[in-house]
Amino acid sequence: MKVLTTKEAAERLRVSERRIRFFCKAGRLGMRLGGTKTRAGTWIILEEELKRFKRFARGRPSKQHRTR
């Protein structure tokens, strides 16, 4: 089982490192090691977890038309 950093995960998914951290903070990807309330820890992502996550579509959902 290989452990990836946010930078490595971003390169594999072809997104920004900031986007990967967003997914981590939202609880959709990875786990945090260390850290306190005032200082952030390190995010780690398992390679297998990234492969499962990769199957889902990237980006924002398309706009839905409003109905009146």
PDB file of N, CA and C in Angstrom:
ATOM      1  N   MET A   1       0.839  -1.167   0.000  1.00  0.00           N
ATOM      2  CA  MET A   1       0.000   0.000   0.000  1.00  0.00           C
ATOM      3  C   MET A   1       0.893   1.242   0.000  1.00  0.00           C
ATOM      4  N   LYS A   2       0.741   2.072  -1.010  1.00  0.00           N
ATOM      5  CA  LYS A   2       1.566   3.266  -1.133  1.00  0.00           C
ATOM      6  C   LYS A   2       0.808   4.490  -0.619  1.00  0.00           C
ATOM      7  N   VAL A   3       1.527   5.369   0.049  1.00  0.00           N
ATOM      8  CA  VAL A   3       0.965   6.597   0.586  1.00  0.00           C
ATOM      9  C   VAL A   3       1.438   7.765  -0.272  1.00  0.00           C
ATOM     10  N   LEU A   4       0.497   8.639  -0.653  1.00  0.00           N
ATOM     11  CA  LEU A   4       0.807   9.781  -1.506  1.00  0.00           C
ATOM     12  C   LEU A   4       0.618  11.084  -0.739  1.00  0.00           C
ATOM     13  N   THR A   5       1.360  12.089  -1.142  1.00  0.00           N
ATOM     14  CA  THR A   5       1.168  13.434  -0.603  1.00  0.00           C
ATOM     15  C   THR A   5       0.099  14.135  -1.440  1.00  0.00           C
ATOM     16  N   THR A   6      -0.322  15.303  -1.000  1.00  0.00           N
ATOM     17  CA  THR A   6      -1.308  16.056  -1.775  1.00  0.00           C
ATOM     18  C   THR A   6      -0.731  16.467  -3.133  1.00  0.00           C
ATOM     19  N   LYS A   7       0.547  16.748  -3.174  1.00  0.00           N
ATOM     20  CA  LYS A   7       1.193  17.129  -4.441  1.00  0.00           C
ATOM     21  C   LYS A   7       1.182  15.966  -5.429  1.00  0.00           C
ATOM     22  N   GLU A   8       1.523  14.768  -4.967  1.00  0.00           N
ATOM     23  CA  GLU A   8       1.530  13.592  -5.834  1.00  0.00           C
ATOM     24  C   GLU A   8       0.121  13.254  -6.312  1.00  0.00           C
ATOM     25  N   ALA A   9      -0.853  13.368  -5.420  1.00  0.00           N
ATOM     26  CA  ALA A   9      -2.241  13.097  -5.792  1.00  0.00           C
ATOM     27  C   ALA A   9      -2.722  14.097  -6.838  1.00  0.00           C
ATOM     28  N   ALA A  10      -2.358  15.359  -6.676  1.00  0.00           N
ATOM     29  CA  ALA A  10      -2.746  16.397  -7.635  1.00  0.00           C
ATOM     30  C   ALA A  10      -2.169  16.111  -9.016  1.00  0.00           C
ATOM     31  N   GLU A  11      -0.927  15.671  -9.061  1.00  0.00           N
ATOM     32  CA  GLU A  11      -0.298  15.356 -10.340  1.00  0.00           C
ATOM     33  C   GLU A  11      -1.004  14.185 -11.020  1.00  0.00           C
ATOM     34  N   ARG A  12      -1.372  13.186 -10.253  1.00  0.00           N
ATOM     35  CA  ARG A  12      -2.039  12.010 -10.833  1.00  0.00           C
ATOM     36  C   ARG A  12      -3.436  12.328 -11.334  1.00  0.00           C
ATOM     37  N   LEU A  13      -4.171  13.194 -10.626  1.00  0.00           N
ATOM     38  CA  LEU A  13      -5.527  13.553 -11.050  1.00  0.00           C
ATOM     39  C   LEU A  13      -5.557  14.742 -11.997  1.00  0.00           C
ATOM     40  N   ARG A  14      -4.407  15.367 -12.199  1.00  0.00           N
ATOM     41  CA  ARG A  14      -4.278  16.547 -13.065  1.00  0.00           C
ATOM     42  C   ARG A  14      -5.170  17.688 -12.593  1.00  0.00           C
ATOM     43  N   VAL A  15      -5.120  17.931 -11.291  1.00  0.00           N
ATOM     44  CA  VAL A  15      -5.812  19.066 -10.678  1.00  0.00           C
ATOM     45  C   VAL A  15      -4.797  19.788  -9.805  1.00  0.00           C
ATOM     46  N   SER A  16      -5.197  20.922  -9.239  1.00  0.00           N
ATOM     47  CA  SER A  16      -4.279  21.663  -8.383  1.00  0.00           C
ATOM     48  C   SER A  16      -4.178  20.999  -7.011  1.00  0.00           C
ATOM     49  N   GLU A  17      -3.089  21.295  -6.337  1.00  0.00           N
ATOM     50  CA  GLU A  17      -2.898  20.783  -4.980  1.00  0.00           C
ATOM     51  C   GLU A  17      -3.962  21.371  -4.048  1.00  0.00           C
ATOM     52  N   ARG A  18      -4.358  22.590  -4.321  1.00  0.00           N
ATOM     53  CA  ARG A  18      -5.411  23.235  -3.528  1.00  0.00           C
ATOM     54  C   ARG A  18      -6.729  22.468  -3.648  1.00  0.00           C
ATOM     55  N   ARG A  19      -7.040  21.973  -4.838  1.00  0.00           N
ATOM     56  CA  ARG A  19      -8.268  21.197  -5.062  1.00  0.00           C
ATOM     57  C   ARG A  19      -8.226  19.887  -4.265  1.00  0.00           C
ATOM     58  N   ILE A  20      -7.070  19.256  -4.217  1.00  0.00           N
ATOM     59  CA  ILE A  20      -6.916  18.018  -3.445  1.00  0.00           C
ATOM     60  C   ILE A  20      -7.140  18.307  -1.965  1.00  0.00           C
ATOM     61  N   ARG A  21      -6.569  19.403  -1.459  1.00  0.00           N
ATOM     62  CA  ARG A  21      -6.782  19.762  -0.054  1.00  0.00           C
ATOM     63  C   ARG A  21      -8.248  20.061   0.227  1.00  0.00           C
ATOM     64  N   PHE A  22      -8.959  20.636  -0.744  1.00  0.00           N
ATOM     65  CA  PHE A  22     -10.396  20.876  -0.601  1.00  0.00           C
ATOM     66  C   PHE A  22     -11.135  19.549  -0.421  1.00  0.00           C
ATOM     67  N   PHE A  23     -10.807  18.560  -1.256  1.00  0.00           N
ATOM     68  CA  PHE A  23     -11.436  17.239  -1.140  1.00  0.00           C
ATOM     69  C   PHE A  23     -11.121  16.603   0.211  1.00  0.00           C
ATOM     70  N   CYS A  24      -9.904  16.788   0.682  1.00  0.00           N
ATOM     71  CA  CYS A  24      -9.501  16.236   1.980  1.00  0.00           C
ATOM     72  C   CYS A  24     -10.284  16.887   3.117  1.00  0.00           C
ATOM     73  N   LYS A  25     -10.370  18.208   3.096  1.00  0.00           N
ATOM     74  CA  LYS A  25     -11.095  18.927   4.155  1.00  0.00           C
ATOM     75  C   LYS A  25     -12.579  18.578   4.147  1.00  0.00           C
ATOM     76  N   ALA A  26     -13.115  18.286   2.970  1.00  0.00           N
ATOM     77  CA  ALA A  26     -14.529  17.927   2.843  1.00  0.00           C
ATOM     78  C   ALA A  26     -14.787  16.482   3.274  1.00  0.00           C
ATOM     79  N   GLY A  27     -13.716  15.730   3.526  1.00  0.00           N
ATOM     80  CA  GLY A  27     -13.871  14.348   3.958  1.00  0.00           C
ATOM     81  C   GLY A  27     -14.043  13.352   2.827  1.00  0.00           C
ATOM     82  N   ARG A  28     -13.801  13.775   1.602  1.00  0.00           N
ATOM     83  CA  ARG A  28     -13.972  12.903   0.446  1.00  0.00           C
ATOM     84  C   ARG A  28     -12.710  12.126   0.088  1.00  0.00           C
ATOM     85  N   LEU A  29     -11.583  12.540   0.655  1.00  0.00           N
ATOM     86  CA  LEU A  29     -10.317  11.941   0.262  1.00  0.00           C
ATOM     87  C   LEU A  29      -9.310  12.105   1.384  1.00  0.00           C
ATOM     88  N   GLY A  30      -8.470  11.108   1.592  1.00  0.00           N
ATOM     89  CA  GLY A  30      -7.340  11.204   2.503  1.00  0.00           C
ATOM     90  C   GLY A  30      -7.673  11.288   3.975  1.00  0.00           C
ATOM     91  N   MET A  31      -6.600  11.449   4.766  1.00  0.00           N
ATOM     92  CA  MET A  31      -6.730  11.621   6.204  1.00  0.00           C
ATOM     93  C   MET A  31      -5.606  12.510   6.696  1.00  0.00           C
ATOM     94  N   ARG A  32      -5.830  13.175   7.821  1.00  0.00           N
ATOM     95  CA  ARG A  32      -4.845  14.112   8.351  1.00  0.00           C
ATOM     96  C   ARG A  32      -3.998  13.442   9.420  1.00  0.00           C
ATOM     97  N   LEU A  33      -2.718  13.706   9.360  1.00  0.00           N
ATOM     98  CA  LEU A  33      -1.781  13.238  10.378  1.00  0.00           C
ATOM     99  C   LEU A  33      -1.282  14.433  11.155  1.00  0.00           C
ATOM    100  N   GLY A  34      -1.343  14.343  12.466  1.00  0.00           N
ATOM    101  CA  GLY A  34      -0.824  15.419  13.308  1.00  0.00           C
ATOM    102  C   GLY A  34      -1.658  16.666  13.232  1.00  0.00           C
ATOM    103  N   GLY A  35      -1.092  17.743  13.703  1.00  0.00           N
ATOM    104  CA  GLY A  35      -1.770  19.025  13.666  1.00  0.00           C
ATOM    105  C   GLY A  35      -2.498  19.331  14.961  1.00  0.00           C
ATOM    106  N   THR A  36      -2.821  20.594  15.138  1.00  0.00           N
ATOM    107  CA  THR A  36      -3.571  21.077  16.293  1.00  0.00           C
ATOM    108  C   THR A  36      -4.638  22.027  15.791  1.00  0.00           C
ATOM    109  N   LYS A  37      -5.342  22.671  16.700  1.00  0.00           N
ATOM    110  CA  LYS A  37      -6.373  23.627  16.284  1.00  0.00           C
ATOM    111  C   LYS A  37      -5.780  24.823  15.559  1.00  0.00           C
ATOM    112  N   THR A  38      -4.571  25.201  15.912  1.00  0.00           N
ATOM    113  CA  THR A  38      -3.955  26.379  15.302  1.00  0.00           C
ATOM    114  C   THR A  38      -2.975  26.043  14.190  1.00  0.00           C
ATOM    115  N   ARG A  39      -2.552  24.807  14.093  1.00  0.00           N
ATOM    116  CA  ARG A  39      -1.570  24.423  13.078  1.00  0.00           C
ATOM    117  C   ARG A  39      -2.054  23.187  12.333  1.00  0.00           C
ATOM    118  N   ALA A  40      -2.032  23.262  11.016  1.00  0.00           N
ATOM    119  CA  ALA A  40      -2.514  22.159  10.195  1.00  0.00           C
ATOM    120  C   ALA A  40      -1.523  21.005  10.194  1.00  0.00           C
ATOM    121  N   GLY A  41      -2.048  19.822  10.095  1.00  0.00           N
ATOM    122  CA  GLY A  41      -1.208  18.632   9.991  1.00  0.00           C
ATOM    123  C   GLY A  41      -0.911  18.331   8.535  1.00  0.00           C
ATOM    124  N   THR A  42      -0.487  17.131   8.265  1.00  0.00           N
ATOM    125  CA  THR A  42      -0.160  16.697   6.917  1.00  0.00           C
ATOM    126  C   THR A  42      -1.267  15.779   6.407  1.00  0.00           C
ATOM    127  N   TRP A  43      -1.725  16.032   5.194  1.00  0.00           N
ATOM    128  CA  TRP A  43      -2.716  15.155   4.580  1.00  0.00           C
ATOM    129  C   TRP A  43      -1.998  14.026   3.872  1.00  0.00           C
ATOM    130  N   ILE A  44      -2.500  12.812   4.027  1.00  0.00           N
ATOM    131  CA  ILE A  44      -1.974  11.671   3.278  1.00  0.00           C
ATOM    132  C   ILE A  44      -3.129  10.983   2.565  1.00  0.00           C
ATOM    133  N   ILE A  45      -2.844  10.441   1.408  1.00  0.00           N
ATOM    134  CA  ILE A  45      -3.846   9.766   0.592  1.00  0.00           C
ATOM    135  C   ILE A  45      -3.292   8.407   0.202  1.00  0.00           C
ATOM    136  N   LEU A  46      -4.073   7.377   0.424  1.00  0.00           N
ATOM    137  CA  LEU A  46      -3.660   6.036   0.016  1.00  0.00           C
ATOM    138  C   LEU A  46      -3.880   5.891  -1.484  1.00  0.00           C
ATOM    139  N   GLU A  47      -2.958   5.211  -2.141  1.00  0.00           N
ATOM    140  CA  GLU A  47      -3.027   5.043  -3.588  1.00  0.00           C
ATOM    141  C   GLU A  47      -4.327   4.358  -4.014  1.00  0.00           C
ATOM    142  N   GLU A  48      -4.752   3.344  -3.278  1.00  0.00           N
ATOM    143  CA  GLU A  48      -5.991   2.638  -3.590  1.00  0.00           C
ATOM    144  C   GLU A  48      -7.203   3.567  -3.477  1.00  0.00           C
ATOM    145  N   GLU A  49      -7.185   4.428  -2.469  1.00  0.00           N
ATOM    146  CA  GLU A  49      -8.268   5.387  -2.277  1.00  0.00           C
ATOM    147  C   GLU A  49      -8.332   6.353  -3.455  1.00  0.00           C
ATOM    148  N   LEU A  50      -7.184   6.776  -3.943  1.00  0.00           N
ATOM    149  CA  LEU A  50      -7.126   7.695  -5.076  1.00  0.00           C
ATOM    150  C   LEU A  50      -7.664   7.029  -6.341  1.00  0.00           C
ATOM    151  N   LYS A  51      -7.375   5.758  -6.529  1.00  0.00           N
ATOM    152  CA  LYS A  51      -7.882   5.037  -7.708  1.00  0.00           C
ATOM    153  C   LYS A  51      -9.402   4.957  -7.684  1.00  0.00           C
ATOM    154  N   ARG A  52      -9.987   4.707  -6.504  1.00  0.00           N
ATOM    155  CA  ARG A  52     -11.450   4.665  -6.390  1.00  0.00           C
ATOM    156  C   ARG A  52     -12.036   6.051  -6.613  1.00  0.00           C
ATOM    157  N   PHE A  53     -11.393   7.074  -6.096  1.00  0.00           N
ATOM    158  CA  PHE A  53     -11.859   8.438  -6.224  1.00  0.00           C
ATOM    159  C   PHE A  53     -11.791   8.900  -7.671  1.00  0.00           C
ATOM    160  N   LYS A  54     -10.811   8.443  -8.404  1.00  0.00           N
ATOM    161  CA  LYS A  54     -10.565   8.862  -9.778  1.00  0.00           C
ATOM    162  C   LYS A  54     -11.713   8.485 -10.712  1.00  0.00           C
ATOM    163  N   ARG A  55     -12.472   7.465 -10.356  1.00  0.00           N
ATOM    164  CA  ARG A  55     -13.554   7.019 -11.225  1.00  0.00           C
ATOM    165  C   ARG A  55     -14.680   8.042 -11.338  1.00  0.00           C
ATOM    166  N   PHE A  56     -14.799   8.933 -10.361  1.00  0.00           N
ATOM    167  CA  PHE A  56     -15.873   9.909 -10.369  1.00  0.00           C
ATOM    168  C   PHE A  56     -15.501  11.114 -11.223  1.00  0.00           C
ATOM    169  N   ALA A  57     -16.501  11.756 -11.752  1.00  0.00           N
ATOM    170  CA  ALA A  57     -16.279  12.901 -12.631  1.00  0.00           C
ATOM    171  C   ALA A  57     -15.645  14.064 -11.878  1.00  0.00           C
ATOM    172  N   ARG A  58     -14.815  14.801 -12.591  1.00  0.00           N
ATOM    173  CA  ARG A  58     -14.169  15.984 -12.014  1.00  0.00           C
ATOM    174  C   ARG A  58     -14.938  17.222 -12.406  1.00  0.00           C
ATOM    175  N   GLY A  59     -14.652  18.298 -11.717  1.00  0.00           N
ATOM    176  CA  GLY A  59     -15.204  19.596 -12.063  1.00  0.00           C
ATOM    177  C   GLY A  59     -16.566  19.859 -11.464  1.00  0.00           C
ATOM    178  N   ARG A  60     -17.103  20.985 -11.834  1.00  0.00           N
ATOM    179  CA  ARG A  60     -18.405  21.393 -11.326  1.00  0.00           C
ATOM    180  C   ARG A  60     -19.521  20.708 -12.108  1.00  0.00           C
ATOM    181  N   PRO A  61     -20.654  20.481 -11.450  1.00  0.00           N
ATOM    182  CA  PRO A  61     -21.790  19.929 -12.186  1.00  0.00           C
ATOM    183  C   PRO A  61     -22.307  20.958 -13.176  1.00  0.00           C
ATOM    184  N   SER A  62     -22.917  20.502 -14.246  1.00  0.00           N
ATOM    185  CA  SER A  62     -23.431  21.425 -15.240  1.00  0.00           C
ATOM    186  C   SER A  62     -24.601  22.216 -14.655  1.00  0.00           C
ATOM    187  N   LYS A  63     -24.822  23.395 -15.216  1.00  0.00           N
ATOM    188  CA  LYS A  63     -25.911  24.246 -14.728  1.00  0.00           C
ATOM    189  C   LYS A  63     -27.244  23.580 -15.027  1.00  0.00           C
ATOM    190  N   GLN A  64     -28.135  23.694 -14.068  1.00  0.00           N
ATOM    191  CA  GLN A  64     -29.491  23.206 -14.287  1.00  0.00           C
ATOM    192  C   GLN A  64     -30.382  24.407 -14.543  1.00  0.00           C
ATOM    193  N   HIS A  65     -31.282  24.251 -15.471  1.00  0.00           N
ATOM    194  CA  HIS A  65     -32.172  25.360 -15.814  1.00  0.00           C
ATOM    195  C   HIS A  65     -33.217  25.529 -14.729  1.00  0.00           C
ATOM    196  N   ARG A  66     -33.464  26.777 -14.403  1.00  0.00           N
ATOM    197  CA  ARG A  66     -34.479  27.064 -13.396  1.00  0.00           C
ATOM    198  C   ARG A  66     -35.860  26.957 -14.023  1.00  0.00           C
ATOM    199  N   THR A  67     -36.776  26.383 -13.289  1.00  0.00           N
ATOM    200  CA  THR A  67     -38.153  26.326 -13.757  1.00  0.00           C
ATOM    201  C   THR A  67     -38.991  27.266 -12.911  1.00  0.00           C
ATOM    202  N   ARG A  68     -39.946  27.872 -13.533  1.00  0.00           N
ATOM    203  CA  ARG A  68     -40.806  28.804 -12.799  1.00  0.00           C
ATOM    204  C   ARG A  68     -42.150  28.217 -12.598  1.00  0.00           C
TER     205      ARG A  68
END
